[in-house]
């Protein structure tokens, strides 16, 4: 069993479980650090992403390829998932366990009339480490088209991360500009809700988590001060504008420090080529 050691790391813990099934011992944090996850920001369809929101083959293969492994993703109609699980071995899928809560990565382990899954949780959590569904429950928990992930062997490949890090720095600058633009105008509750995940999460939640797992605690603490003011505003009546509550000048300085760390990692990557 592998536990979650950082926020929303269920897919990274699930990947560690798949590797454990192959006799490779690692943890979610180890995978994130080796990928370089703390230094990667991405914009996708107008949404800013970082940290554990970067999931799937593109990112997992950065860790797996140097080991001669890769993720194999199959996109399967959910009606075929029960048969697939009965005929295949260990695999990762995403399920909806709780209503109004996002998808959660789990690892299929056995079928005995019920479908059993290892359930990534925080160490010390009261949640079960294994969950089981009957067929009706399983189908209700799935997307119409479900992505199934397995690990397969492939040729060894070492990724050049320099372009990823270059793009990350550009995205981080754009993210700050978007925060600045958004924060200087009033918005509806729905607009704030969308911005919470689409703009602010990447830097004021997942970015902070990534700084912490990489040992950049002073910078993480500085971001947390802004996070506290941001969350106070978001939990209140949202009157006025965000720029009156969070210091954009301070945030810009912290983002510049973060970008400097990204560029330092790019230089390290260049020296490793």
Protein backbone atom coordinates (compact mmCIF):
# COMPACT_ATOMS: atom_id res chain seq x y z
CA UNK A 1 0.00 0.00 0.00
CA UNK A 2 1.26 3.47 -0.91
CA UNK A 3 0.03 6.60 0.83
CA UNK A 4 -0.50 10.15 -0.37
CA UNK A 5 2.16 12.53 0.92
CA UNK A 6 0.99 15.74 -0.72
CA UNK A 7 -2.26 17.41 -1.72
CA UNK A 8 -4.29 15.62 -4.45
CA UNK A 9 -1.49 13.12 -5.13
CA UNK A 10 -3.80 10.10 -5.60
CA UNK A 11 -2.66 9.46 -9.19
CA UNK A 12 1.00 9.66 -8.15
CA UNK A 13 0.38 7.25 -5.26
CA UNK A 14 -1.48 4.96 -7.67
CA UNK A 15 1.51 5.05 -10.03
CA UNK A 16 3.76 4.07 -7.09
CA UNK A 17 1.43 1.11 -6.47
CA UNK A 18 1.69 -0.02 -10.09
CA UNK A 19 5.47 0.15 -9.78
CA UNK A 20 5.38 -1.76 -6.48
CA UNK A 21 3.51 -4.53 -8.33
CA UNK A 22 6.61 -4.71 -10.58
CA UNK A 23 8.99 -4.83 -7.61
CA UNK A 24 10.01 -1.16 -7.85
CA UNK A 25 9.76 0.71 -4.55
CA UNK A 26 9.05 4.44 -4.73
CA UNK A 27 6.64 7.04 -3.34
CA UNK A 28 4.50 9.81 -4.79
CA UNK A 29 6.99 12.46 -3.64
CA UNK A 30 9.93 10.64 -5.24
CA UNK A 31 8.08 10.48 -8.56
CA UNK A 32 7.13 14.16 -8.42
CA UNK A 33 10.67 15.28 -7.63
CA UNK A 34 12.25 13.14 -10.36
CA UNK A 35 9.79 14.46 -12.94
CA UNK A 36 10.60 18.01 -11.83
CA UNK A 37 6.95 18.63 -10.98
CA UNK A 38 7.59 21.55 -8.59
CA UNK A 39 9.01 23.57 -11.49
CA UNK A 40 6.32 22.96 -14.11
CA UNK A 41 3.38 25.24 -14.89
CA UNK A 42 1.13 24.57 -17.87
CA UNK A 43 -1.76 26.39 -19.50
CA UNK A 44 -4.36 24.10 -21.06
CA UNK A 45 -7.56 25.38 -22.65
CA UNK A 46 -7.27 28.62 -20.69
CA UNK A 47 -6.78 26.84 -17.36
CA UNK A 48 -3.50 27.03 -15.44
CA UNK A 49 -2.21 23.75 -14.01
CA UNK A 50 0.68 22.70 -11.80
CA UNK A 51 1.72 19.96 -9.40
CA UNK A 52 -0.65 17.01 -9.00
CA UNK A 53 -2.98 18.37 -11.71
CA UNK A 54 -0.33 17.32 -14.23
CA UNK A 55 -1.31 13.69 -14.64
CA UNK A 56 -1.25 10.99 -17.26
CA UNK A 57 1.14 9.52 -19.78
CA UNK A 58 2.89 12.75 -20.82
CA UNK A 59 4.08 13.42 -17.27
CA UNK A 60 4.38 9.92 -15.85
CA UNK A 61 6.60 8.84 -18.75
CA UNK A 62 9.23 11.42 -17.75
CA UNK A 63 9.74 9.27 -14.66
CA UNK A 64 9.19 5.88 -16.31
CA UNK A 65 11.04 6.13 -19.64
CA UNK A 66 14.60 6.19 -18.18
CA UNK A 67 13.69 2.87 -16.52
CA UNK A 68 12.60 1.28 -19.80
CA UNK A 69 8.92 1.62 -18.89
CA UNK A 70 5.99 3.72 -20.00
CA UNK A 71 2.31 4.24 -19.32
CA UNK A 72 -0.13 2.55 -21.66
CA UNK A 73 -3.45 4.41 -21.70
CA UNK A 74 -6.60 2.79 -23.09
CA UNK A 75 -9.84 4.74 -23.44
CA UNK A 76 -12.69 2.30 -22.88
CA UNK A 77 -16.49 2.58 -22.87
CA UNK A 78 -17.49 2.15 -19.25
CA UNK A 79 -19.86 -0.70 -20.10
CA UNK A 80 -16.78 -2.73 -21.08
CA UNK A 81 -14.82 -1.97 -17.90
CA UNK A 82 -16.16 -4.88 -15.78
CA UNK A 83 -15.10 -7.41 -18.42
CA UNK A 84 -11.78 -5.62 -18.92
CA UNK A 85 -10.98 -5.76 -15.20
CA UNK A 86 -11.89 -9.43 -14.96
CA UNK A 87 -9.56 -10.27 -17.86
CA UNK A 88 -6.62 -8.03 -16.97
CA UNK A 89 -4.35 -7.49 -14.01
CA UNK A 90 -3.36 -4.47 -11.99
CA UNK A 91 -4.32 -1.13 -13.52
CA UNK A 92 -5.15 2.46 -12.59
CA UNK A 93 -8.53 4.08 -13.21
CA UNK A 94 -10.33 7.18 -11.97
CA UNK A 95 -13.59 6.81 -10.04
CA UNK A 96 -16.07 9.13 -8.37
CA UNK A 97 -16.33 7.98 -4.77
CA UNK A 98 -18.21 10.92 -3.25
CA UNK A 99 -20.89 13.12 -4.75
CA UNK A 100 -19.70 16.61 -5.74
CA UNK A 101 -16.07 15.56 -5.31
CA UNK A 102 -13.65 15.18 -8.19
CA UNK A 103 -12.34 11.98 -9.69
CA UNK A 104 -10.04 9.85 -7.53
CA UNK A 105 -7.35 7.52 -8.86
CA UNK A 106 -7.51 3.92 -7.60
CA UNK A 107 -5.68 0.70 -8.47
CA UNK A 108 -7.60 -2.44 -9.39
CA UNK A 109 -6.30 -5.46 -7.46
CA UNK A 110 -8.77 -8.36 -7.73
CA UNK A 111 -12.22 -9.59 -8.69
CA UNK A 112 -14.11 -12.10 -6.55
CA UNK A 113 -17.66 -11.19 -7.44
CA UNK A 114 -16.81 -7.67 -6.30
CA UNK A 115 -14.28 -5.33 -7.89
CA UNK A 116 -11.56 -4.52 -5.35
CA UNK A 117 -9.34 -1.46 -5.56
CA UNK A 118 -6.46 -0.08 -3.53
CA UNK A 119 -7.52 3.38 -2.41
CA UNK A 120 -4.72 6.00 -2.08
CA UNK A 121 -5.24 7.96 1.13
CA UNK A 122 -3.21 10.10 3.49
CA UNK A 123 -1.27 8.13 6.10
CA UNK A 124 -3.32 8.28 9.29
CA UNK A 125 -6.60 8.91 7.47
CA UNK A 126 -9.74 7.11 8.65
CA UNK A 127 -10.67 6.33 5.03
CA UNK A 128 -10.34 2.68 3.93
CA UNK A 129 -7.18 1.59 2.10
CA UNK A 130 -9.27 -0.77 -0.03
CA UNK A 131 -12.70 -0.27 -1.57
CA UNK A 132 -14.97 -2.73 -3.35
CA UNK A 133 -17.82 -2.19 -5.81
CA UNK A 134 -20.45 -4.46 -7.22
CA UNK A 135 -20.97 -4.05 -10.95
CA UNK A 136 -23.75 -1.47 -10.63
CA UNK A 137 -21.71 0.63 -8.20
CA UNK A 138 -18.64 0.37 -10.41
CA UNK A 139 -20.49 1.58 -13.51
CA UNK A 140 -22.02 4.46 -11.55
CA UNK A 141 -18.54 5.57 -10.44
CA UNK A 142 -17.03 5.82 -13.94
CA UNK A 143 -16.85 8.36 -16.74
CA UNK A 144 -18.68 7.28 -19.90
CA UNK A 145 -15.27 6.81 -21.50
CA UNK A 146 -12.82 5.66 -18.85
CA UNK A 147 -9.05 5.88 -19.15
CA UNK A 148 -7.27 2.76 -17.93
CA UNK A 149 -3.56 3.04 -17.21
CA UNK A 150 -1.04 0.20 -17.07
CA UNK A 151 2.75 0.08 -17.11
CA UNK A 152 4.45 -1.65 -20.03
CA UNK A 153 8.06 -2.03 -21.11
CA UNK A 154 9.50 0.28 -23.77
CA UNK A 155 12.91 1.49 -24.90
CA UNK A 156 14.86 3.57 -22.41
CA UNK A 157 14.63 7.30 -23.01
CA UNK A 158 15.87 10.27 -21.02
CA UNK A 159 13.80 13.43 -21.41
CA UNK A 160 15.32 16.85 -22.04
CA UNK A 161 13.34 19.06 -19.65
CA UNK A 162 14.71 22.39 -20.88
CA UNK A 163 11.81 23.21 -23.21
CA UNK A 164 9.32 22.21 -20.52
CA UNK A 165 11.00 24.55 -18.05
CA UNK A 166 11.27 27.39 -20.57
CA UNK A 167 7.56 27.11 -21.25
CA UNK A 168 6.87 26.84 -17.52
CA UNK A 169 8.52 30.19 -16.86
CA UNK A 170 6.45 31.82 -19.61
CA UNK A 171 3.25 30.30 -18.27
CA UNK A 172 4.07 31.44 -14.73
CA UNK A 173 4.50 35.02 -15.95
CA UNK A 174 1.22 34.79 -17.86
CA UNK A 175 -0.45 33.37 -14.76
CA UNK A 176 0.61 36.38 -12.70
CA UNK A 177 -0.66 38.74 -15.42
CA UNK A 178 -4.01 36.94 -15.41
CA UNK A 179 -4.22 37.15 -11.61
CA UNK A 180 -3.42 40.86 -11.76
CA UNK A 181 -6.08 41.48 -14.45
CA UNK A 182 -8.71 39.44 -12.62
CA UNK A 183 -7.99 40.97 -9.21
CA UNK A 184 -8.55 44.56 -10.31
CA UNK A 185 -12.23 44.09 -11.19
CA UNK A 186 -15.33 42.88 -9.31
CA UNK A 187 -16.83 39.54 -10.34
CA UNK A 188 -19.86 37.32 -9.84
CA UNK A 189 -19.80 34.32 -7.49
CA UNK A 190 -19.69 32.01 -10.53
CA UNK A 191 -16.69 33.86 -11.98
CA UNK A 192 -14.87 33.60 -8.66
CA UNK A 193 -15.64 29.89 -8.49
CA UNK A 194 -14.21 29.32 -11.97
CA UNK A 195 -11.15 31.44 -11.22
CA UNK A 196 -10.43 29.50 -8.02
CA UNK A 197 -9.59 26.36 -10.00
CA UNK A 198 -8.72 27.88 -13.36
CA UNK A 199 -6.31 30.60 -12.22
CA UNK A 200 -5.48 30.72 -8.52
CA UNK A 201 -5.15 27.03 -7.65
CA UNK A 202 -1.99 26.57 -9.72
CA UNK A 203 0.01 29.04 -7.64
CA UNK A 204 -1.83 29.46 -4.30
CA UNK A 205 -2.53 25.78 -3.63
CA UNK A 206 -0.61 23.32 -5.80
CA UNK A 207 2.34 25.69 -6.27
CA UNK A 208 2.72 26.03 -2.52
CA UNK A 209 2.55 22.26 -2.06
CA UNK A 210 5.24 21.79 -4.72
CA UNK A 211 7.53 24.32 -3.05
CA UNK A 212 7.12 22.46 0.25
CA UNK A 213 8.00 19.03 -1.13
CA UNK A 214 11.07 20.53 -2.83
CA UNK A 215 12.29 22.06 0.44
CA UNK A 216 11.57 25.69 -0.50
CA UNK A 217 9.73 26.32 2.76
CA UNK A 218 10.53 30.03 3.14
CA UNK A 219 9.07 30.83 -0.27
CA UNK A 220 6.10 28.55 0.40
CA UNK A 221 5.41 30.36 3.70
CA UNK A 222 5.47 33.71 1.91
CA UNK A 223 2.92 32.49 -0.61
CA UNK A 224 0.79 31.14 2.24
CA UNK A 225 0.38 34.66 3.64
CA UNK A 226 -1.21 35.70 0.36
CA UNK A 227 -3.20 32.47 0.28
CA UNK A 228 -4.71 33.23 3.68
CA UNK A 229 -5.88 36.68 2.55
CA UNK A 230 -7.21 35.21 -0.69
CA UNK A 231 -9.19 32.48 1.10
CA UNK A 232 -10.60 34.98 3.62
CA UNK A 233 -11.94 37.02 0.69
CA UNK A 234 -13.30 33.95 -1.12
CA UNK A 235 -15.10 32.68 1.99
CA UNK A 236 -16.64 36.10 2.65
CA UNK A 237 -19.21 38.14 0.75
CA UNK A 238 -16.67 38.97 -1.99
CA UNK A 239 -17.51 42.66 -1.92
CA UNK A 240 -14.98 44.97 -3.53
CA UNK A 241 -12.01 43.60 -5.47
CA UNK A 242 -9.28 41.10 -4.69
CA UNK A 243 -6.56 43.68 -5.27
CA UNK A 244 -7.70 45.43 -2.08
CA UNK A 245 -7.11 42.23 -0.10
CA UNK A 246 -4.02 40.60 -1.60
CA UNK A 247 -0.80 42.50 -2.33
CA UNK A 248 -0.17 42.21 -6.06
CA UNK A 249 3.25 43.79 -5.66
CA UNK A 250 4.24 41.15 -3.12
CA UNK A 251 2.78 38.39 -5.25
CA UNK A 252 4.71 39.62 -8.29
CA UNK A 253 7.94 39.52 -6.27
CA UNK A 254 7.23 35.98 -5.07
CA UNK A 255 6.40 34.81 -8.60
CA UNK A 256 9.72 36.30 -9.79
CA UNK A 257 11.53 34.29 -7.10
CA UNK A 258 9.68 31.15 -8.21
CA UNK A 259 10.61 31.82 -11.84
CA UNK A 260 14.26 32.22 -10.84
CA UNK A 261 14.17 28.74 -9.28
CA UNK A 262 12.68 27.35 -12.50
CA UNK A 263 15.51 28.89 -14.53
CA UNK A 264 18.06 27.43 -12.13
CA UNK A 265 16.52 24.00 -12.67
CA UNK A 266 16.71 24.56 -16.42
CA UNK A 267 20.45 25.25 -16.10
CA UNK A 268 20.85 22.05 -14.08
CA UNK A 269 18.98 20.16 -16.81
CA UNK A 270 21.29 21.63 -19.46
CA UNK A 271 24.35 20.42 -17.55
CA UNK A 272 22.89 16.90 -17.40
CA UNK A 273 22.55 16.55 -21.18
